[in-house]
Amino acid sequence: MDFLEGYPMISTTGMRRIEGSLRNLSIIWVATIASIIVIIAITAVMFKNGSIPLPSGLDTETQIILLAVLSVLAASEIGGIVLFSVLFKSENVIKKRLQVAPPGQVEQTLAEAPLTENDRLAVALTPLYFSLCVIRWALGFSVSLYGFILALVTGFMDMAAVFYAISILTVAFLRPGTGEIEEMAVKAGSRQ
């Protein structure tokens, strides 16, 4: 049994229609990961040069509270990623997106092979997927900012490294591709 059985396979023509968006998403994804790496490098250089002010007048209790607050914020960002993934892929949101841009209105040039209904659904849902990706990556990136703040204010490099690892792994895991678009198209196709 094929693991994609039941999924609408996007034809070559359909892939050509969404490949520009997927290419743009890949560029944004790489830039997001590169930005996290830059923050890590800046922190490492500052720490190595002694530029990070080790406990800057903050007492231990305040540092621990800051760590706890930033940890809760980071956890809520990760929770937000899951929430947005579920929300954007819900039948209700997909239905509303298709009302705004119905698959039947997807234009086709005469030079193209005919678009299948699955292709039309994928093309119509690609902007929704694009938004979902950018929101999730922004939330994942923000976790690295919390690590940077923690390193700057408290000098807790080990804890900052945990934030950095969570951030980069989260964004790396959310690599763009056609699988989620096809998943959304399945939900859209099953409701019709």
N, C-alpha and C. Protein backbone atom coordinates (compact mmCIF):
# COMPACT_ATOMS: atom_id res chain seq x y z
N MET A 1 0.84 -1.19 0.00
CA MET A 1 0.00 0.00 0.00
C MET A 1 0.88 1.24 0.00
N ASP A 2 0.64 2.13 -0.89
CA ASP A 2 1.42 3.35 -1.00
C ASP A 2 1.03 4.31 0.12
N PHE A 3 2.02 4.93 0.78
CA PHE A 3 1.72 5.81 1.90
C PHE A 3 0.99 7.08 1.47
N LEU A 4 1.01 7.40 0.19
CA LEU A 4 0.30 8.58 -0.29
C LEU A 4 -1.05 8.23 -0.90
N GLU A 5 -1.49 6.99 -0.71
CA GLU A 5 -2.76 6.59 -1.27
C GLU A 5 -3.87 7.48 -0.71
N GLY A 6 -4.70 7.97 -1.55
CA GLY A 6 -5.77 8.85 -1.13
C GLY A 6 -5.39 10.32 -1.23
N TYR A 7 -4.11 10.61 -1.40
CA TYR A 7 -3.66 12.00 -1.54
C TYR A 7 -3.78 12.41 -3.00
N PRO A 8 -4.20 13.64 -3.23
CA PRO A 8 -4.24 14.10 -4.61
C PRO A 8 -2.82 14.38 -5.06
N MET A 9 -2.38 13.68 -6.01
CA MET A 9 -1.03 13.92 -6.51
C MET A 9 -1.07 15.12 -7.43
N ILE A 10 -0.16 16.02 -7.21
CA ILE A 10 -0.09 17.23 -8.03
C ILE A 10 0.64 16.86 -9.32
N SER A 11 0.02 17.18 -10.43
CA SER A 11 0.62 16.86 -11.72
C SER A 11 1.81 17.77 -11.99
N THR A 12 2.54 17.45 -13.04
CA THR A 12 3.68 18.28 -13.44
C THR A 12 3.23 19.71 -13.74
N THR A 13 2.09 19.85 -14.38
CA THR A 13 1.55 21.18 -14.67
C THR A 13 1.22 21.91 -13.37
N GLY A 14 0.59 21.22 -12.45
CA GLY A 14 0.27 21.81 -11.16
C GLY A 14 1.52 22.21 -10.40
N MET A 15 2.55 21.36 -10.46
CA MET A 15 3.82 21.68 -9.78
C MET A 15 4.44 22.94 -10.37
N ARG A 16 4.37 23.08 -11.69
CA ARG A 16 4.92 24.29 -12.32
C ARG A 16 4.21 25.54 -11.80
N ARG A 17 2.91 25.41 -11.53
CA ARG A 17 2.13 26.56 -11.05
C ARG A 17 2.49 26.97 -9.63
N ILE A 18 2.94 26.00 -8.80
CA ILE A 18 3.24 26.34 -7.41
C ILE A 18 4.74 26.38 -7.11
N GLU A 19 5.57 26.00 -8.09
CA GLU A 19 7.01 25.92 -7.81
C GLU A 19 7.62 27.28 -7.48
N GLY A 20 7.11 28.36 -8.05
CA GLY A 20 7.63 29.69 -7.72
C GLY A 20 7.41 30.02 -6.25
N SER A 21 6.21 29.71 -5.75
CA SER A 21 5.92 29.94 -4.33
C SER A 21 6.78 29.05 -3.46
N LEU A 22 6.94 27.79 -3.86
CA LEU A 22 7.78 26.89 -3.07
C LEU A 22 9.25 27.34 -3.08
N ARG A 23 9.71 27.86 -4.20
CA ARG A 23 11.08 28.37 -4.28
C ARG A 23 11.24 29.58 -3.34
N ASN A 24 10.26 30.48 -3.37
CA ASN A 24 10.31 31.63 -2.47
C ASN A 24 10.27 31.21 -1.01
N LEU A 25 9.43 30.23 -0.70
CA LEU A 25 9.39 29.71 0.67
C LEU A 25 10.72 29.11 1.07
N SER A 26 11.37 28.40 0.16
CA SER A 26 12.68 27.81 0.47
C SER A 26 13.71 28.89 0.76
N ILE A 27 13.66 29.98 0.01
CA ILE A 27 14.59 31.09 0.25
C ILE A 27 14.34 31.70 1.63
N ILE A 28 13.09 31.93 1.97
CA ILE A 28 12.76 32.49 3.28
C ILE A 28 13.17 31.53 4.39
N TRP A 29 12.95 30.24 4.18
CA TRP A 29 13.31 29.22 5.16
C TRP A 29 14.82 29.22 5.41
N VAL A 30 15.61 29.25 4.34
CA VAL A 30 17.07 29.28 4.48
C VAL A 30 17.51 30.58 5.17
N ALA A 31 16.88 31.70 4.81
CA ALA A 31 17.22 32.98 5.44
C ALA A 31 16.89 32.97 6.94
N THR A 32 15.80 32.33 7.31
CA THR A 32 15.44 32.24 8.73
C THR A 32 16.47 31.42 9.49
N ILE A 33 16.86 30.28 8.94
CA ILE A 33 17.89 29.47 9.59
C ILE A 33 19.21 30.23 9.66
N ALA A 34 19.56 30.94 8.58
CA ALA A 34 20.80 31.72 8.56
C ALA A 34 20.75 32.82 9.62
N SER A 35 19.60 33.43 9.82
CA SER A 35 19.46 34.48 10.84
C SER A 35 19.68 33.92 12.24
N ILE A 36 19.17 32.74 12.48
CA ILE A 36 19.38 32.10 13.79
C ILE A 36 20.87 31.81 13.97
N ILE A 37 21.53 31.34 12.93
CA ILE A 37 22.96 31.06 13.01
C ILE A 37 23.75 32.35 13.26
N VAL A 38 23.34 33.44 12.65
CA VAL A 38 24.01 34.73 12.89
C VAL A 38 23.87 35.14 14.36
N ILE A 39 22.67 34.98 14.93
CA ILE A 39 22.48 35.31 16.34
C ILE A 39 23.38 34.44 17.22
N ILE A 40 23.48 33.16 16.89
CA ILE A 40 24.35 32.26 17.65
C ILE A 40 25.80 32.73 17.53
N ALA A 41 26.23 33.08 16.32
CA ALA A 41 27.61 33.52 16.10
C ALA A 41 27.91 34.82 16.86
N ILE A 42 26.98 35.75 16.82
CA ILE A 42 27.17 37.01 17.56
C ILE A 42 27.32 36.74 19.05
N THR A 43 26.47 35.87 19.57
CA THR A 43 26.54 35.52 20.98
C THR A 43 27.88 34.87 21.31
N ALA A 44 28.31 33.95 20.46
CA ALA A 44 29.58 33.26 20.70
C ALA A 44 30.76 34.23 20.68
N VAL A 45 30.76 35.14 19.71
CA VAL A 45 31.86 36.12 19.61
C VAL A 45 31.84 37.04 20.83
N MET A 46 30.66 37.52 21.21
CA MET A 46 30.56 38.40 22.37
C MET A 46 31.00 37.69 23.64
N PHE A 47 30.64 36.44 23.78
CA PHE A 47 31.01 35.69 24.98
C PHE A 47 32.51 35.44 24.99
N LYS A 48 33.05 35.08 23.84
CA LYS A 48 34.49 34.81 23.75
C LYS A 48 35.32 36.06 24.04
N ASN A 49 34.83 37.21 23.58
CA ASN A 49 35.55 38.47 23.79
C ASN A 49 35.24 39.11 25.14
N GLY A 50 34.39 38.49 25.91
CA GLY A 50 34.04 39.04 27.21
C GLY A 50 33.09 40.21 27.13
N SER A 51 32.42 40.38 26.01
CA SER A 51 31.50 41.51 25.82
C SER A 51 30.16 41.29 26.50
N ILE A 52 29.83 40.04 26.82
CA ILE A 52 28.55 39.77 27.47
C ILE A 52 28.73 40.06 28.96
N PRO A 53 27.92 40.97 29.47
CA PRO A 53 28.05 41.32 30.88
C PRO A 53 27.52 40.19 31.76
N LEU A 54 28.42 39.51 32.40
CA LEU A 54 27.98 38.47 33.32
C LEU A 54 27.25 39.16 34.47
N PRO A 55 26.31 38.47 35.05
CA PRO A 55 25.27 39.05 35.90
C PRO A 55 25.41 40.54 36.15
N SER A 56 24.65 41.29 35.36
CA SER A 56 24.72 42.74 35.36
C SER A 56 23.89 43.37 36.47
N GLY A 57 24.28 43.12 37.68
CA GLY A 57 23.58 43.74 38.79
C GLY A 57 22.27 43.05 39.12
N LEU A 58 21.90 42.01 38.38
CA LEU A 58 20.68 41.28 38.68
C LEU A 58 20.99 40.23 39.73
N ASP A 59 20.15 40.17 40.74
CA ASP A 59 20.37 39.13 41.74
C ASP A 59 19.94 37.78 41.17
N THR A 60 20.34 36.73 41.82
CA THR A 60 20.07 35.37 41.33
C THR A 60 18.58 35.12 41.15
N GLU A 61 17.77 35.61 42.08
CA GLU A 61 16.34 35.39 42.00
C GLU A 61 15.75 36.05 40.74
N THR A 62 16.19 37.25 40.43
CA THR A 62 15.71 37.95 39.24
C THR A 62 16.14 37.22 37.97
N GLN A 63 17.36 36.71 37.96
CA GLN A 63 17.84 35.96 36.80
C GLN A 63 17.01 34.70 36.59
N ILE A 64 16.68 34.03 37.67
CA ILE A 64 15.88 32.81 37.56
C ILE A 64 14.47 33.15 37.08
N ILE A 65 13.92 34.25 37.57
CA ILE A 65 12.59 34.67 37.11
C ILE A 65 12.63 34.99 35.61
N LEU A 66 13.68 35.70 35.18
CA LEU A 66 13.82 36.01 33.75
C LEU A 66 13.92 34.73 32.93
N LEU A 67 14.71 33.78 33.41
CA LEU A 67 14.82 32.49 32.72
C LEU A 67 13.46 31.81 32.63
N ALA A 68 12.71 31.83 33.72
CA ALA A 68 11.39 31.19 33.73
C ALA A 68 10.44 31.89 32.76
N VAL A 69 10.43 33.22 32.77
CA VAL A 69 9.54 33.97 31.88
C VAL A 69 9.88 33.69 30.42
N LEU A 70 11.17 33.73 30.08
CA LEU A 70 11.58 33.48 28.70
C LEU A 70 11.30 32.03 28.30
N SER A 71 11.42 31.11 29.25
CA SER A 71 11.10 29.71 28.96
C SER A 71 9.62 29.53 28.67
N VAL A 72 8.77 30.20 29.44
CA VAL A 72 7.33 30.13 29.21
C VAL A 72 6.99 30.76 27.85
N LEU A 73 7.62 31.89 27.55
CA LEU A 73 7.39 32.52 26.24
C LEU A 73 7.81 31.59 25.10
N ALA A 74 8.98 30.97 25.25
CA ALA A 74 9.45 30.05 24.20
C ALA A 74 8.49 28.87 24.04
N ALA A 75 8.04 28.32 25.17
CA ALA A 75 7.09 27.21 25.10
C ALA A 75 5.79 27.64 24.44
N SER A 76 5.35 28.86 24.73
CA SER A 76 4.11 29.34 24.11
C SER A 76 4.30 29.58 22.61
N GLU A 77 5.51 29.97 22.19
CA GLU A 77 5.80 30.12 20.76
C GLU A 77 5.71 28.76 20.05
N ILE A 78 6.29 27.75 20.67
CA ILE A 78 6.22 26.40 20.09
C ILE A 78 4.77 25.94 20.06
N GLY A 79 4.04 26.20 21.13
CA GLY A 79 2.61 25.88 21.14
C GLY A 79 1.86 26.64 20.05
N GLY A 80 2.27 27.88 19.81
CA GLY A 80 1.66 28.67 18.75
C GLY A 80 1.88 28.06 17.38
N ILE A 81 3.06 27.49 17.19
CA ILE A 81 3.35 26.82 15.91
C ILE A 81 2.38 25.66 15.69
N VAL A 82 2.18 24.87 16.73
CA VAL A 82 1.25 23.75 16.63
C VAL A 82 -0.17 24.26 16.41
N LEU A 83 -0.55 25.29 17.17
CA LEU A 83 -1.89 25.85 17.05
C LEU A 83 -2.16 26.39 15.64
N PHE A 84 -1.21 27.18 15.11
CA PHE A 84 -1.40 27.72 13.76
C PHE A 84 -1.44 26.60 12.72
N SER A 85 -0.63 25.55 12.91
CA SER A 85 -0.65 24.44 11.97
C SER A 85 -2.02 23.78 11.93
N VAL A 86 -2.58 23.54 13.11
CA VAL A 86 -3.89 22.92 13.19
C VAL A 86 -4.96 23.86 12.64
N LEU A 87 -4.89 25.13 13.03
CA LEU A 87 -5.89 26.10 12.61
C LEU A 87 -5.89 26.30 11.10
N PHE A 88 -4.71 26.54 10.52
CA PHE A 88 -4.64 26.82 9.08
C PHE A 88 -5.02 25.60 8.24
N LYS A 89 -4.87 24.41 8.80
CA LYS A 89 -5.22 23.20 8.06
C LYS A 89 -6.64 22.72 8.37
N SER A 90 -7.36 23.48 9.18
CA SER A 90 -8.72 23.07 9.53
C SER A 90 -9.64 23.25 8.32
N GLU A 91 -10.68 22.45 8.28
CA GLU A 91 -11.63 22.52 7.17
C GLU A 91 -12.27 23.89 7.06
N ASN A 92 -12.51 24.53 8.20
CA ASN A 92 -13.15 25.84 8.20
C ASN A 92 -12.27 26.89 7.52
N VAL A 93 -11.00 26.93 7.86
CA VAL A 93 -10.08 27.91 7.25
C VAL A 93 -9.88 27.60 5.77
N ILE A 94 -9.72 26.32 5.45
CA ILE A 94 -9.57 25.93 4.05
C ILE A 94 -10.82 26.34 3.25
N LYS A 95 -11.99 26.10 3.82
CA LYS A 95 -13.24 26.48 3.16
C LYS A 95 -13.29 27.98 2.91
N LYS A 96 -12.91 28.77 3.92
CA LYS A 96 -12.93 30.23 3.75
C LYS A 96 -11.93 30.67 2.69
N ARG A 97 -10.76 30.04 2.65
CA ARG A 97 -9.77 30.39 1.63
C ARG A 97 -10.30 30.08 0.24
N LEU A 98 -10.95 28.96 0.09
CA LEU A 98 -11.48 28.57 -1.21
C LEU A 98 -12.67 29.42 -1.63
N GLN A 99 -13.35 30.04 -0.66
CA GLN A 99 -14.42 30.98 -1.00
C GLN A 99 -13.84 32.26 -1.57
N VAL A 100 -12.69 32.67 -1.03
CA VAL A 100 -12.02 33.89 -1.50
C VAL A 100 -11.40 33.65 -2.88
N ALA A 101 -10.77 32.50 -3.04
CA ALA A 101 -10.12 32.17 -4.32
C ALA A 101 -10.53 30.76 -4.73
N PRO A 102 -11.71 30.61 -5.31
CA PRO A 102 -12.19 29.28 -5.70
C PRO A 102 -11.26 28.61 -6.71
N PRO A 103 -11.06 27.29 -6.57
CA PRO A 103 -10.18 26.59 -7.51
C PRO A 103 -10.64 26.70 -8.95
N GLY A 104 -11.93 26.87 -9.17
CA GLY A 104 -12.44 27.01 -10.53
C GLY A 104 -12.00 28.29 -11.21
N GLN A 105 -11.55 29.27 -10.43
CA GLN A 105 -11.11 30.54 -10.98
C GLN A 105 -9.60 30.57 -11.24
N VAL A 106 -8.91 29.47 -10.95
CA VAL A 106 -7.48 29.41 -11.22
C VAL A 106 -7.29 29.46 -12.73
N GLU A 107 -6.58 30.47 -13.17
CA GLU A 107 -6.39 30.67 -14.61
C GLU A 107 -5.42 29.64 -15.17
N GLN A 108 -5.61 29.38 -16.42
CA GLN A 108 -4.75 28.43 -17.10
C GLN A 108 -4.40 29.01 -18.46
N THR A 109 -3.12 28.92 -18.81
CA THR A 109 -2.72 29.41 -20.13
C THR A 109 -2.95 28.32 -21.15
N LEU A 110 -3.09 28.69 -22.39
CA LEU A 110 -3.34 27.71 -23.44
C LEU A 110 -2.15 26.78 -23.66
N ALA A 111 -0.95 27.24 -23.33
CA ALA A 111 0.24 26.42 -23.55
C ALA A 111 0.37 25.29 -22.53
N GLU A 112 -0.37 25.38 -21.42
CA GLU A 112 -0.26 24.37 -20.37
C GLU A 112 -1.16 23.17 -20.66
N ALA A 113 -0.73 22.04 -20.09
CA ALA A 113 -1.62 20.89 -20.08
C ALA A 113 -2.77 21.22 -19.14
N PRO A 114 -3.91 20.60 -19.31
CA PRO A 114 -5.04 20.93 -18.43
C PRO A 114 -4.72 20.69 -16.96
N LEU A 115 -5.19 21.60 -16.13
CA LEU A 115 -5.04 21.42 -14.68
C LEU A 115 -6.13 20.50 -14.18
N THR A 116 -5.73 19.55 -13.34
CA THR A 116 -6.72 18.67 -12.72
C THR A 116 -7.38 19.42 -11.57
N GLU A 117 -8.44 18.87 -11.05
CA GLU A 117 -9.09 19.48 -9.88
C GLU A 117 -8.12 19.53 -8.70
N ASN A 118 -7.31 18.48 -8.55
CA ASN A 118 -6.31 18.47 -7.48
C ASN A 118 -5.30 19.60 -7.66
N ASP A 119 -4.89 19.83 -8.91
CA ASP A 119 -3.97 20.93 -9.20
C ASP A 119 -4.60 22.27 -8.83
N ARG A 120 -5.86 22.44 -9.21
CA ARG A 120 -6.55 23.70 -8.91
C ARG A 120 -6.66 23.93 -7.40
N LEU A 121 -6.96 22.87 -6.66
CA LEU A 121 -7.01 22.99 -5.20
C LEU A 121 -5.64 23.37 -4.64
N ALA A 122 -4.60 22.71 -5.13
CA ALA A 122 -3.24 23.00 -4.64
C ALA A 122 -2.85 24.44 -4.94
N VAL A 123 -3.14 24.89 -6.15
CA VAL A 123 -2.81 26.27 -6.53
C VAL A 123 -3.60 27.26 -5.66
N ALA A 124 -4.88 26.98 -5.45
CA ALA A 124 -5.72 27.88 -4.66
C ALA A 124 -5.29 27.93 -3.19
N LEU A 125 -4.76 26.82 -2.67
CA LEU A 125 -4.38 26.75 -1.26
C LEU A 125 -2.93 27.15 -1.00
N THR A 126 -2.13 27.33 -2.03
CA THR A 126 -0.72 27.68 -1.84
C THR A 126 -0.53 28.99 -1.07
N PRO A 127 -1.30 30.06 -1.32
CA PRO A 127 -1.12 31.28 -0.50
C PRO A 127 -1.39 31.05 0.99
N LEU A 128 -2.35 30.20 1.31
CA LEU A 128 -2.63 29.87 2.71
C LEU A 128 -1.44 29.15 3.32
N TYR A 129 -0.89 28.21 2.58
CA TYR A 129 0.29 27.47 3.04
C TYR A 129 1.49 28.41 3.20
N PHE A 130 1.65 29.34 2.28
CA PHE A 130 2.74 30.32 2.35
C PHE A 130 2.65 31.10 3.66
N SER A 131 1.46 31.59 3.98
CA SER A 131 1.25 32.34 5.22
C SER A 131 1.55 31.48 6.44
N LEU A 132 1.08 30.25 6.42
CA LEU A 132 1.32 29.33 7.53
C LEU A 132 2.82 29.15 7.77
N CYS A 133 3.56 28.92 6.70
CA CYS A 133 5.01 28.72 6.83
C CYS A 133 5.70 29.93 7.45
N VAL A 134 5.39 31.11 6.93
CA VAL A 134 6.05 32.33 7.42
C VAL A 134 5.72 32.57 8.89
N ILE A 135 4.49 32.36 9.28
CA ILE A 135 4.10 32.55 10.69
C ILE A 135 4.84 31.56 11.57
N ARG A 136 4.89 30.29 11.19
CA ARG A 136 5.57 29.28 12.01
C ARG A 136 7.06 29.59 12.13
N TRP A 137 7.69 30.00 11.03
CA TRP A 137 9.12 30.31 11.08
C TRP A 137 9.39 31.52 11.96
N ALA A 138 8.52 32.52 11.90
CA ALA A 138 8.70 33.70 12.76
C ALA A 138 8.60 33.31 14.23
N LEU A 139 7.66 32.46 14.56
CA LEU A 139 7.54 31.99 15.94
C LEU A 139 8.76 31.18 16.36
N GLY A 140 9.24 30.32 15.48
CA GLY A 140 10.44 29.54 15.77
C GLY A 140 11.67 30.43 15.93
N PHE A 141 11.78 31.44 15.07
CA PHE A 141 12.91 32.37 15.15
C PHE A 141 12.89 33.14 16.46
N SER A 142 11.71 33.52 16.92
CA SER A 142 11.62 34.33 18.14
C SER A 142 12.21 33.60 19.35
N VAL A 143 12.20 32.28 19.35
CA VAL A 143 12.80 31.52 20.44
C VAL A 143 14.30 31.81 20.52
N SER A 144 14.95 31.98 19.37
CA SER A 144 16.38 32.32 19.39
C SER A 144 16.61 33.71 19.97
N LEU A 145 15.67 34.62 19.74
CA LEU A 145 15.79 35.96 20.33
C LEU A 145 15.70 35.90 21.85
N TYR A 146 14.87 35.02 22.37
CA TYR A 146 14.78 34.86 23.82
C TYR A 146 16.11 34.35 24.37
N GLY A 147 16.74 33.44 23.65
CA GLY A 147 18.06 32.96 24.07
C GLY A 147 19.10 34.07 24.05
N PHE A 148 19.02 34.91 23.03
CA PHE A 148 19.96 36.04 22.92
C PHE A 148 19.76 37.01 24.09
N ILE A 149 18.50 37.33 24.40
CA ILE A 149 18.21 38.20 25.54
C ILE A 149 18.74 37.59 26.82
N LEU A 150 18.51 36.30 26.99
CA LEU A 150 18.98 35.61 28.19
C LEU A 150 20.50 35.68 28.30
N ALA A 151 21.18 35.46 27.19
CA ALA A 151 22.65 35.51 27.21
C ALA A 151 23.13 36.92 27.54
N LEU A 152 22.53 37.93 26.95
CA LEU A 152 22.96 39.30 27.18
C LEU A 152 22.71 39.78 28.61
N VAL A 153 21.55 39.44 29.14
CA VAL A 153 21.17 39.97 30.44
C VAL A 153 21.77 39.18 31.60
N THR A 154 21.83 37.85 31.43
CA THR A 154 22.26 37.02 32.57
C THR A 154 23.62 36.37 32.37
N GLY A 155 24.04 36.20 31.14
CA GLY A 155 25.29 35.47 30.88
C GLY A 155 25.11 33.97 30.93
N PHE A 156 23.86 33.49 31.00
CA PHE A 156 23.59 32.05 31.03
C PHE A 156 23.77 31.47 29.62
N MET A 157 24.99 31.19 29.25
CA MET A 157 25.26 30.70 27.91
C MET A 157 24.70 29.30 27.67
N ASP A 158 24.75 28.45 28.70
CA ASP A 158 24.23 27.09 28.53
C ASP A 158 22.73 27.11 28.25
N MET A 159 22.01 27.95 28.97
CA MET A 159 20.57 28.03 28.75
C MET A 159 20.25 28.70 27.41
N ALA A 160 21.06 29.70 27.05
CA ALA A 160 20.86 30.33 25.74
C ALA A 160 21.04 29.30 24.63
N ALA A 161 22.01 28.40 24.81
CA ALA A 161 22.25 27.35 23.81
C ALA A 161 21.03 26.45 23.65
N VAL A 162 20.32 26.20 24.74
CA VAL A 162 19.10 25.38 24.66
C VAL A 162 18.05 26.10 23.81
N PHE A 163 17.88 27.39 24.05
CA PHE A 163 16.93 28.17 23.25
C PHE A 163 17.33 28.15 21.77
N TYR A 164 18.62 28.32 21.49
CA TYR A 164 19.11 28.31 20.11
C TYR A 164 18.83 26.95 19.45
N ALA A 165 19.11 25.88 20.19
CA ALA A 165 18.90 24.55 19.63
C ALA A 165 17.42 24.31 19.32
N ILE A 166 16.56 24.70 20.25
CA ILE A 166 15.12 24.53 20.02
C ILE A 166 14.68 25.33 18.80
N SER A 167 15.18 26.55 18.70
CA SER A 167 14.81 27.42 17.59
C SER A 167 15.24 26.85 16.24
N ILE A 168 16.50 26.49 16.14
CA ILE A 168 17.00 26.02 14.84
C ILE A 168 16.40 24.67 14.47
N LEU A 169 16.21 23.79 15.44
CA LEU A 169 15.60 22.49 15.14
C LEU A 169 14.14 22.64 14.72
N THR A 170 13.43 23.55 15.38
CA THR A 170 12.03 23.78 15.04
C THR A 170 11.90 24.29 13.61
N VAL A 171 12.68 25.31 13.27
CA VAL A 171 12.59 25.87 11.93
C VAL A 171 13.07 24.85 10.89
N ALA A 172 14.14 24.12 11.20
CA ALA A 172 14.64 23.11 10.26
C ALA A 172 13.59 22.03 10.01
N PHE A 173 12.86 21.64 11.05
CA PHE A 173 11.83 20.63 10.92
C PHE A 173 10.67 21.09 10.04
N LEU A 174 10.45 22.40 9.97
CA LEU A 174 9.32 22.96 9.22
C LEU A 174 9.70 23.33 7.80
N ARG A 175 10.52 22.53 7.18
CA ARG A 175 10.96 22.77 5.80
C ARG A 175 9.75 22.75 4.85
N PRO A 176 9.72 23.68 3.92
CA PRO A 176 8.56 23.73 3.00
C PRO A 176 8.58 22.58 1.99
N GLY A 177 7.41 22.18 1.57
CA GLY A 177 7.28 21.12 0.57
C GLY A 177 5.83 20.97 0.16
N THR A 178 5.59 20.04 -0.74
CA THR A 178 4.24 19.87 -1.26
C THR A 178 3.34 19.02 -0.36
N GLY A 179 3.92 18.29 0.58
CA GLY A 179 3.14 17.38 1.41
C GLY A 179 1.99 18.05 2.15
N GLU A 180 2.27 19.20 2.76
CA GLU A 180 1.22 19.88 3.50
C GLU A 180 0.17 20.50 2.58
N ILE A 181 0.62 20.95 1.41
CA ILE A 181 -0.35 21.48 0.44
C ILE A 181 -1.28 20.36 0.00
N GLU A 182 -0.72 19.18 -0.26
CA GLU A 182 -1.54 18.04 -0.65
C GLU A 182 -2.49 17.63 0.48
N GLU A 183 -1.99 17.68 1.72
CA GLU A 183 -2.83 17.36 2.87
C GLU A 183 -4.03 18.32 2.95
N MET A 184 -3.76 19.60 2.74
CA MET A 184 -4.84 20.59 2.75
C MET A 184 -5.80 20.35 1.58
N ALA A 185 -5.26 19.98 0.43
CA ALA A 185 -6.10 19.71 -0.74
C ALA A 185 -7.00 18.49 -0.49
N VAL A 186 -6.49 17.50 0.25
CA VAL A 186 -7.30 16.33 0.59
C VAL A 186 -8.50 16.76 1.41
N LYS A 187 -8.25 17.62 2.42
CA LYS A 187 -9.38 18.10 3.22
C LYS A 187 -10.36 18.89 2.38
N ALA A 188 -9.85 19.70 1.49
CA ALA A 188 -10.73 20.49 0.63
C ALA A 188 -11.51 19.59 -0.31
N GLY A 189 -10.84 18.59 -0.88
CA GLY A 189 -11.50 17.67 -1.81
C GLY A 189 -12.53 16.78 -1.13
N SER A 190 -12.27 16.41 0.13
CA SER A 190 -13.18 15.51 0.83
C SER A 190 -14.46 16.22 1.27
N ARG A 191 -14.42 17.55 1.37
CA ARG A 191 -15.60 18.28 1.81
C ARG A 191 -16.50 18.62 0.63
N GLN A 192 -16.00 18.42 -0.59
CA GLN A 192 -16.81 18.79 -1.77
C GLN A 192 -17.74 17.67 -2.15
